[in-house]
């Protein structure tokens, strides 16, 4: 059990050592990426339920099928709801 607790700390130390050996610009790039990942994670946790429309809304109406409004086609509505 002690190994399971200490293992992440060892990995953290390795990461910190590698981070410290980077240039200031490289460290800033890493920090920017970590902030980006945190903001992405927050947005996902805020929007746990997302509709199909929300996922596809940027493409809504972008395809012309050539079919008119089917609700006005009496033949299409025959037997609907039976």
PDB file of N, CA and C in Angstrom:
ATOM      1  N   UNK A   1       0.824  -1.192   0.000  1.00  0.00           N
ATOM      2  CA  UNK A   1       0.000   0.000   0.000  1.00  0.00           C
ATOM      3  C   UNK A   1       0.867   1.254   0.000  1.00  0.00           C
ATOM      4  N   UNK A   2       1.991   1.210   0.663  1.00  0.00           N
ATOM      5  CA  UNK A   2       2.884   2.363   0.718  1.00  0.00           C
ATOM      6  C   UNK A   2       3.388   2.724  -0.671  1.00  0.00           C
ATOM      7  N   UNK A   3       3.655   1.724  -1.505  1.00  0.00           N
ATOM      8  CA  UNK A   3       4.140   1.988  -2.854  1.00  0.00           C
ATOM      9  C   UNK A   3       3.112   2.727  -3.685  1.00  0.00           C
ATOM     10  N   UNK A   4       1.839   2.374  -3.535  1.00  0.00           N
ATOM     11  CA  UNK A   4       0.788   3.031  -4.305  1.00  0.00           C
ATOM     12  C   UNK A   4       0.694   4.501  -3.951  1.00  0.00           C
ATOM     13  N   UNK A   5       0.929   4.845  -2.709  1.00  0.00           N
ATOM     14  CA  UNK A   5       0.860   6.237  -2.283  1.00  0.00           C
ATOM     15  C   UNK A   5       2.103   6.995  -2.737  1.00  0.00           C
ATOM     16  N   UNK A   6       3.268   6.374  -2.650  1.00  0.00           N
ATOM     17  CA  UNK A   6       4.520   7.040  -2.983  1.00  0.00           C
ATOM     18  C   UNK A   6       4.782   7.127  -4.484  1.00  0.00           C
ATOM     19  N   UNK A   7       4.242   6.225  -5.263  1.00  0.00           N
ATOM     20  CA  UNK A   7       4.529   6.187  -6.697  1.00  0.00           C
ATOM     21  C   UNK A   7       4.173   7.494  -7.410  1.00  0.00           C
ATOM     22  N   UNK A   8       2.976   8.070  -7.222  1.00  0.00           N
ATOM     23  CA  UNK A   8       2.691   9.346  -7.877  1.00  0.00           C
ATOM     24  C   UNK A   8       3.661  10.445  -7.453  1.00  0.00           C
ATOM     25  N   UNK A   9       4.097  10.435  -6.208  1.00  0.00           N
ATOM     26  CA  UNK A   9       5.040  11.453  -5.757  1.00  0.00           C
ATOM     27  C   UNK A   9       6.370  11.313  -6.476  1.00  0.00           C
ATOM     28  N   UNK A  10       6.811  10.084  -6.718  1.00  0.00           N
ATOM     29  CA  UNK A  10       8.057   9.851  -7.445  1.00  0.00           C
ATOM     30  C   UNK A  10       7.910  10.373  -8.875  1.00  0.00           C
ATOM     31  N   UNK A  11       6.810  10.066  -9.513  1.00  0.00           N
ATOM     32  CA  UNK A  11       6.571  10.553 -10.877  1.00  0.00           C
ATOM     33  C   UNK A  11       6.498  12.074 -10.893  1.00  0.00           C
ATOM     34  N   UNK A  12       5.908  12.650  -9.876  1.00  0.00           N
ATOM     35  CA  UNK A  12       5.806  14.105  -9.787  1.00  0.00           C
ATOM     36  C   UNK A  12       7.199  14.721  -9.686  1.00  0.00           C
ATOM     37  N   UNK A  13       8.053  14.121  -8.899  1.00  0.00           N
ATOM     38  CA  UNK A  13       9.426  14.624  -8.769  1.00  0.00           C
ATOM     39  C   UNK A  13      10.182  14.535 -10.089  1.00  0.00           C
ATOM     40  N   UNK A  14       9.981  13.426 -10.805  1.00  0.00           N
ATOM     41  CA  UNK A  14      10.626  13.272 -12.112  1.00  0.00           C
ATOM     42  C   UNK A  14      10.151  14.366 -13.059  1.00  0.00           C
ATOM     43  N   UNK A  15       8.831  14.611 -13.070  1.00  0.00           N
ATOM     44  CA  UNK A  15       8.275  15.664 -13.925  1.00  0.00           C
ATOM     45  C   UNK A  15       8.829  17.034 -13.546  1.00  0.00           C
ATOM     46  N   UNK A  16       8.901  17.302 -12.249  1.00  0.00           N
ATOM     47  CA  UNK A  16       9.425  18.597 -11.805  1.00  0.00           C
ATOM     48  C   UNK A  16      10.891  18.766 -12.195  1.00  0.00           C
ATOM     49  N   UNK A  17      11.682  17.717 -12.077  1.00  0.00           N
ATOM     50  CA  UNK A  17      13.085  17.794 -12.482  1.00  0.00           C
ATOM     51  C   UNK A  17      13.210  18.090 -13.970  1.00  0.00           C
ATOM     52  N   UNK A  18      12.417  17.398 -14.770  1.00  0.00           N
ATOM     53  CA  UNK A  18      12.450  17.631 -16.220  1.00  0.00           C
ATOM     54  C   UNK A  18      11.965  19.039 -16.559  1.00  0.00           C
ATOM     55  N   UNK A  19      10.933  19.485 -15.858  1.00  0.00           N
ATOM     56  CA  UNK A  19      10.382  20.819 -16.078  1.00  0.00           C
ATOM     57  C   UNK A  19      11.425  21.886 -15.766  1.00  0.00           C
ATOM     58  N   UNK A  20      12.135  21.704 -14.686  1.00  0.00           N
ATOM     59  CA  UNK A  20      13.155  22.674 -14.272  1.00  0.00           C
ATOM     60  C   UNK A  20      14.305  22.764 -15.277  1.00  0.00           C
ATOM     61  N   UNK A  21      14.536  21.714 -16.027  1.00  0.00           N
ATOM     62  CA  UNK A  21      15.618  21.707 -17.011  1.00  0.00           C
ATOM     63  C   UNK A  21      15.227  22.354 -18.341  1.00  0.00           C
ATOM     64  N   UNK A  22      13.974  22.734 -18.486  1.00  0.00           N
ATOM     65  CA  UNK A  22      13.511  23.393 -19.707  1.00  0.00           C
ATOM     66  C   UNK A  22      13.840  24.875 -19.679  1.00  0.00           C
ATOM     67  N   UNK A  23      13.855  25.478 -20.861  1.00  0.00           N
ATOM     68  CA  UNK A  23      14.034  26.932 -20.931  1.00  0.00           C
ATOM     69  C   UNK A  23      12.763  27.608 -20.418  1.00  0.00           C
ATOM     70  N   UNK A  24      12.862  28.882 -20.154  1.00  0.00           N
ATOM     71  CA  UNK A  24      11.702  29.643 -19.671  1.00  0.00           C
ATOM     72  C   UNK A  24      10.565  29.591 -20.694  1.00  0.00           C
ATOM     73  N   UNK A  25      10.901  29.700 -21.967  1.00  0.00           N
ATOM     74  CA  UNK A  25       9.876  29.645 -23.013  1.00  0.00           C
ATOM     75  C   UNK A  25       9.200  28.272 -23.055  1.00  0.00           C
ATOM     76  N   UNK A  26       9.991  27.219 -22.914  1.00  0.00           N
ATOM     77  CA  UNK A  26       9.432  25.867 -22.915  1.00  0.00           C
ATOM     78  C   UNK A  26       8.551  25.647 -21.692  1.00  0.00           C
ATOM     79  N   UNK A  27       8.959  26.168 -20.545  1.00  0.00           N
ATOM     80  CA  UNK A  27       8.145  26.061 -19.344  1.00  0.00           C
ATOM     81  C   UNK A  27       6.820  26.797 -19.532  1.00  0.00           C
ATOM     82  N   UNK A  28       6.871  27.957 -20.173  1.00  0.00           N
ATOM     83  CA  UNK A  28       5.643  28.718 -20.409  1.00  0.00           C
ATOM     84  C   UNK A  28       4.700  27.953 -21.328  1.00  0.00           C
ATOM     85  N   UNK A  29       5.255  27.276 -22.326  1.00  0.00           N
ATOM     86  CA  UNK A  29       4.440  26.456 -23.231  1.00  0.00           C
ATOM     87  C   UNK A  29       3.730  25.349 -22.457  1.00  0.00           C
ATOM     88  N   UNK A  30       4.456  24.714 -21.557  1.00  0.00           N
ATOM     89  CA  UNK A  30       3.860  23.655 -20.723  1.00  0.00           C
ATOM     90  C   UNK A  30       2.755  24.242 -19.847  1.00  0.00           C
ATOM     91  N   UNK A  31       3.003  25.378 -19.228  1.00  0.00           N
ATOM     92  CA  UNK A  31       1.992  26.012 -18.370  1.00  0.00           C
ATOM     93  C   UNK A  31       0.756  26.395 -19.167  1.00  0.00           C
ATOM     94  N   UNK A  32       0.950  26.930 -20.373  1.00  0.00           N
ATOM     95  CA  UNK A  32      -0.181  27.283 -21.228  1.00  0.00           C
ATOM     96  C   UNK A  32      -1.019  26.053 -21.563  1.00  0.00           C
ATOM     97  N   UNK A  33      -0.337  24.947 -21.855  1.00  0.00           N
ATOM     98  CA  UNK A  33      -1.047  23.713 -22.185  1.00  0.00           C
ATOM     99  C   UNK A  33      -1.841  23.200 -20.990  1.00  0.00           C
ATOM    100  N   UNK A  34      -1.237  23.238 -19.816  1.00  0.00           N
ATOM    101  CA  UNK A  34      -1.917  22.769 -18.605  1.00  0.00           C
ATOM    102  C   UNK A  34      -3.147  23.633 -18.325  1.00  0.00           C
ATOM    103  N   UNK A  35      -3.019  24.947 -18.498  1.00  0.00           N
ATOM    104  CA  UNK A  35      -4.169  25.837 -18.303  1.00  0.00           C
ATOM    105  C   UNK A  35      -5.264  25.541 -19.320  1.00  0.00           C
ATOM    106  N   UNK A  36      -4.867  25.271 -20.557  1.00  0.00           N
ATOM    107  CA  UNK A  36      -5.836  24.912 -21.598  1.00  0.00           C
ATOM    108  C   UNK A  36      -6.585  23.636 -21.218  1.00  0.00           C
ATOM    109  N   UNK A  37      -5.855  22.619 -20.770  1.00  0.00           N
ATOM    110  CA  UNK A  37      -6.479  21.354 -20.387  1.00  0.00           C
ATOM    111  C   UNK A  37      -7.418  21.540 -19.197  1.00  0.00           C
ATOM    112  N   UNK A  38      -7.036  22.368 -18.234  1.00  0.00           N
ATOM    113  CA  UNK A  38      -7.905  22.626 -17.088  1.00  0.00           C
ATOM    114  C   UNK A  38      -9.181  23.342 -17.505  1.00  0.00           C
ATOM    115  N   UNK A  39      -9.069  24.322 -18.405  1.00  0.00           N
ATOM    116  CA  UNK A  39     -10.265  25.037 -18.845  1.00  0.00           C
ATOM    117  C   UNK A  39     -11.182  24.111 -19.640  1.00  0.00           C
ATOM    118  N   UNK A  40     -10.586  23.222 -20.442  1.00  0.00           N
ATOM    119  CA  UNK A  40     -11.373  22.257 -21.206  1.00  0.00           C
ATOM    120  C   UNK A  40     -12.109  21.316 -20.255  1.00  0.00           C
ATOM    121  N   UNK A  41     -11.436  20.877 -19.223  1.00  0.00           N
ATOM    122  CA  UNK A  41     -12.038  19.977 -18.237  1.00  0.00           C
ATOM    123  C   UNK A  41     -13.195  20.671 -17.517  1.00  0.00           C
ATOM    124  N   UNK A  42     -13.024  21.949 -17.179  1.00  0.00           N
ATOM    125  CA  UNK A  42     -14.077  22.692 -16.496  1.00  0.00           C
ATOM    126  C   UNK A  42     -15.299  22.833 -17.389  1.00  0.00           C
ATOM    127  N   UNK A  43     -15.087  23.131 -18.671  1.00  0.00           N
ATOM    128  CA  UNK A  43     -16.210  23.278 -19.590  1.00  0.00           C
ATOM    129  C   UNK A  43     -16.978  21.974 -19.718  1.00  0.00           C
ATOM    130  N   UNK A  44     -16.269  20.848 -19.769  1.00  0.00           N
ATOM    131  CA  UNK A  44     -16.936  19.554 -19.868  1.00  0.00           C
ATOM    132  C   UNK A  44     -17.738  19.247 -18.613  1.00  0.00           C
ATOM    133  N   UNK A  45     -17.206  19.588 -17.441  1.00  0.00           N
ATOM    134  CA  UNK A  45     -17.918  19.297 -16.207  1.00  0.00           C
ATOM    135  C   UNK A  45     -19.125  20.209 -16.030  1.00  0.00           C
ATOM    136  N   UNK A  46     -19.068  21.425 -16.586  1.00  0.00           N
ATOM    137  CA  UNK A  46     -20.206  22.343 -16.508  1.00  0.00           C
ATOM    138  C   UNK A  46     -21.333  21.893 -17.426  1.00  0.00           C
ATOM    139  N   UNK A  47     -20.994  21.289 -18.555  1.00  0.00           N
ATOM    140  CA  UNK A  47     -21.980  20.867 -19.554  1.00  0.00           C
ATOM    141  C   UNK A  47     -22.032  19.354 -19.643  1.00  0.00           C
ATOM    142  N   UNK A  48     -22.414  18.697 -18.559  1.00  0.00           N
ATOM    143  CA  UNK A  48     -22.437  17.235 -18.567  1.00  0.00           C
ATOM    144  C   UNK A  48     -23.450  16.700 -19.560  1.00  0.00           C
ATOM    145  N   UNK A  49     -24.606  17.347 -19.651  1.00  0.00           N
ATOM    146  CA  UNK A  49     -25.610  16.910 -20.605  1.00  0.00           C
ATOM    147  C   UNK A  49     -25.556  17.838 -21.802  1.00  0.00           C
ATOM    148  N   UNK A  50     -25.367  17.244 -22.978  1.00  0.00           N
ATOM    149  CA  UNK A  50     -25.304  18.037 -24.196  1.00  0.00           C
ATOM    150  C   UNK A  50     -26.194  17.360 -25.236  1.00  0.00           C
ATOM    151  N   UNK A  51     -26.930  18.161 -25.952  1.00  0.00           N
ATOM    152  CA  UNK A  51     -27.869  17.598 -26.919  1.00  0.00           C
ATOM    153  C   UNK A  51     -27.167  17.311 -28.243  1.00  0.00           C
ATOM    154  N   UNK A  52     -27.828  16.506 -29.058  1.00  0.00           N
ATOM    155  CA  UNK A  52     -27.310  16.210 -30.394  1.00  0.00           C
ATOM    156  C   UNK A  52     -27.232  17.502 -31.201  1.00  0.00           C
ATOM    157  N   UNK A  53     -28.221  18.376 -31.018  1.00  0.00           N
ATOM    158  CA  UNK A  53     -28.202  19.652 -31.724  1.00  0.00           C
ATOM    159  C   UNK A  53     -26.967  20.473 -31.351  1.00  0.00           C
ATOM    160  N   UNK A  54     -26.639  20.531 -30.062  1.00  0.00           N
ATOM    161  CA  UNK A  54     -25.462  21.282 -29.637  1.00  0.00           C
ATOM    162  C   UNK A  54     -24.191  20.754 -30.303  1.00  0.00           C
ATOM    163  N   UNK A  55     -24.110  19.447 -30.476  1.00  0.00           N
ATOM    164  CA  UNK A  55     -22.933  18.860 -31.113  1.00  0.00           C
ATOM    165  C   UNK A  55     -22.865  19.155 -32.609  1.00  0.00           C
ATOM    166  N   UNK A  56     -24.030  19.291 -33.248  1.00  0.00           N
ATOM    167  CA  UNK A  56     -24.059  19.440 -34.702  1.00  0.00           C
ATOM    168  C   UNK A  56     -24.550  20.801 -35.173  1.00  0.00           C
ATOM    169  N   UNK A  57     -24.741  21.754 -34.272  1.00  0.00           N
ATOM    170  CA  UNK A  57     -25.370  23.013 -34.676  1.00  0.00           C
ATOM    171  C   UNK A  57     -24.565  23.811 -35.697  1.00  0.00           C
ATOM    172  N   UNK A  58     -23.261  23.634 -35.731  1.00  0.00           N
ATOM    173  CA  UNK A  58     -22.490  24.378 -36.718  1.00  0.00           C
ATOM    174  C   UNK A  58     -22.773  23.896 -38.141  1.00  0.00           C
ATOM    175  N   UNK A  59     -23.315  22.668 -38.272  1.00  0.00           N
ATOM    176  CA  UNK A  59     -23.641  22.149 -39.595  1.00  0.00           C
ATOM    177  C   UNK A  59     -25.139  22.215 -39.897  1.00  0.00           C
ATOM    178  N   UNK A  60     -25.949  22.639 -38.955  1.00  0.00           N
ATOM    179  CA  UNK A  60     -27.397  22.682 -39.154  1.00  0.00           C
ATOM    180  C   UNK A  60     -27.736  23.598 -40.330  1.00  0.00           C
ATOM    181  N   UNK A  61     -28.495  23.075 -41.268  1.00  0.00           N
ATOM    182  CA  UNK A  61     -28.922  23.855 -42.425  1.00  0.00           C
ATOM    183  C   UNK A  61     -27.871  23.983 -43.508  1.00  0.00           C
ATOM    184  N   UNK A  62     -26.778  23.284 -43.399  1.00  0.00           N
ATOM    185  CA  UNK A  62     -25.710  23.439 -44.388  1.00  0.00           C
ATOM    186  C   UNK A  62     -25.874  22.525 -45.595  1.00  0.00           C
ATOM    187  N   UNK A  63     -26.815  21.589 -45.519  1.00  0.00           N
ATOM    188  CA  UNK A  63     -27.023  20.654 -46.621  1.00  0.00           C
ATOM    189  C   UNK A  63     -28.416  20.876 -47.190  1.00  0.00           C
ATOM    190  N   UNK A  64     -28.496  21.019 -48.498  1.00  0.00           N
ATOM    191  CA  UNK A  64     -29.784  21.173 -49.160  1.00  0.00           C
ATOM    192  C   UNK A  64     -30.186  19.817 -49.715  1.00  0.00           C
ATOM    193  N   UNK A  65     -31.247  19.240 -49.174  1.00  0.00           N
ATOM    194  CA  UNK A  65     -31.654  17.900 -49.594  1.00  0.00           C
ATOM    195  C   UNK A  65     -32.534  17.921 -50.833  1.00  0.00           C
ATOM    196  N   UNK A  66     -33.136  19.060 -51.133  1.00  0.00           N
ATOM    197  CA  UNK A  66     -34.049  19.143 -52.264  1.00  0.00           C
ATOM    198  C   UNK A  66     -35.466  18.754 -51.891  1.00  0.00           C
ATOM    199  N   UNK A  67     -35.657  18.218 -50.684  1.00  0.00           N
ATOM    200  CA  UNK A  67     -36.981  17.820 -50.219  1.00  0.00           C
ATOM    201  C   UNK A  67     -37.611  19.021 -49.515  1.00  0.00           C
ATOM    202  N   UNK A  68     -38.851  19.292 -49.869  1.00  0.00           N
ATOM    203  CA  UNK A  68     -39.564  20.381 -49.223  1.00  0.00           C
ATOM    204  C   UNK A  68     -39.978  19.999 -47.811  1.00  0.00           C
ATOM    205  N   UNK A  69     -40.771  20.828 -47.205  1.00  0.00           N
ATOM    206  CA  UNK A  69     -41.259  20.567 -45.857  1.00  0.00           C
ATOM    207  C   UNK A  69     -42.221  19.384 -45.909  1.00  0.00           C
ATOM    208  N   UNK A  70     -41.810  18.264 -45.316  1.00  0.00           N
ATOM    209  CA  UNK A  70     -42.611  17.043 -45.389  1.00  0.00           C
ATOM    210  C   UNK A  70     -43.939  17.162 -44.652  1.00  0.00           C
ATOM    211  N   UNK A  71     -44.074  18.090 -43.736  1.00  0.00           N
ATOM    212  CA  UNK A  71     -45.331  18.223 -42.993  1.00  0.00           C
ATOM    213  C   UNK A  71     -46.459  18.745 -43.874  1.00  0.00           C
ATOM    214  N   UNK A  72     -46.135  19.324 -45.014  1.00  0.00           N
ATOM    215  CA  UNK A  72     -47.182  19.821 -45.913  1.00  0.00           C
ATOM    216  C   UNK A  72     -47.517  18.798 -47.000  1.00  0.00           C
ATOM    217  N   UNK A  73     -46.831  17.675 -47.035  1.00  0.00           N
ATOM    218  CA  UNK A  73     -47.073  16.638 -48.028  1.00  0.00           C
ATOM    219  C   UNK A  73     -48.083  15.647 -47.455  1.00  0.00           C
ATOM    220  N   UNK A  74     -49.321  15.732 -47.940  1.00  0.00           N
ATOM    221  CA  UNK A  74     -50.399  14.896 -47.409  1.00  0.00           C
ATOM    222  C   UNK A  74     -50.104  13.403 -47.584  1.00  0.00           C
ATOM    223  N   UNK A  75     -49.452  13.022 -48.675  1.00  0.00           N
ATOM    224  CA  UNK A  75     -49.131  11.621 -48.903  1.00  0.00           C
ATOM    225  C   UNK A  75     -48.151  11.124 -47.829  1.00  0.00           C
ATOM    226  N   UNK A  76     -47.213  11.949 -47.465  1.00  0.00           N
ATOM    227  CA  UNK A  76     -46.233  11.588 -46.442  1.00  0.00           C
ATOM    228  C   UNK A  76     -46.904  11.398 -45.079  1.00  0.00           C
ATOM    229  N   UNK A  77     -47.925  12.214 -44.806  1.00  0.00           N
ATOM    230  CA  UNK A  77     -48.577  12.172 -43.500  1.00  0.00           C
ATOM    231  C   UNK A  77     -49.649  11.085 -43.384  1.00  0.00           C
ATOM    232  N   UNK A  78     -49.959  10.381 -44.490  1.00  0.00           N
ATOM    233  CA  UNK A  78     -50.961   9.322 -44.437  1.00  0.00           C
ATOM    234  C   UNK A  78     -50.513   8.226 -43.464  1.00  0.00           C
ATOM    235  N   UNK A  79     -51.362   7.881 -42.524  1.00  0.00           N
ATOM    236  CA  UNK A  79     -51.087   6.820 -41.576  1.00  0.00           C
ATOM    237  C   UNK A  79     -50.146   7.233 -40.436  1.00  0.00           C
ATOM    238  N   UNK A  80     -49.763   8.481 -40.407  1.00  0.00           N
ATOM    239  CA  UNK A  80     -48.860   8.948 -39.367  1.00  0.00           C
ATOM    240  C   UNK A  80     -49.573   8.945 -38.015  1.00  0.00           C
ATOM    241  N   UNK A  81     -48.989   8.362 -37.025  1.00  0.00           N
ATOM    242  CA  UNK A  81     -49.568   8.332 -35.677  1.00  0.00           C
ATOM    243  C   UNK A  81     -50.509   7.171 -35.418  1.00  0.00           C
ATOM    244  N   UNK A  82     -50.666   6.276 -36.377  1.00  0.00           N
ATOM    245  CA  UNK A  82     -51.575   5.123 -36.195  1.00  0.00           C
ATOM    246  C   UNK A  82     -50.829   3.967 -35.587  1.00  0.00           C
TER     247      UNK A  82
END
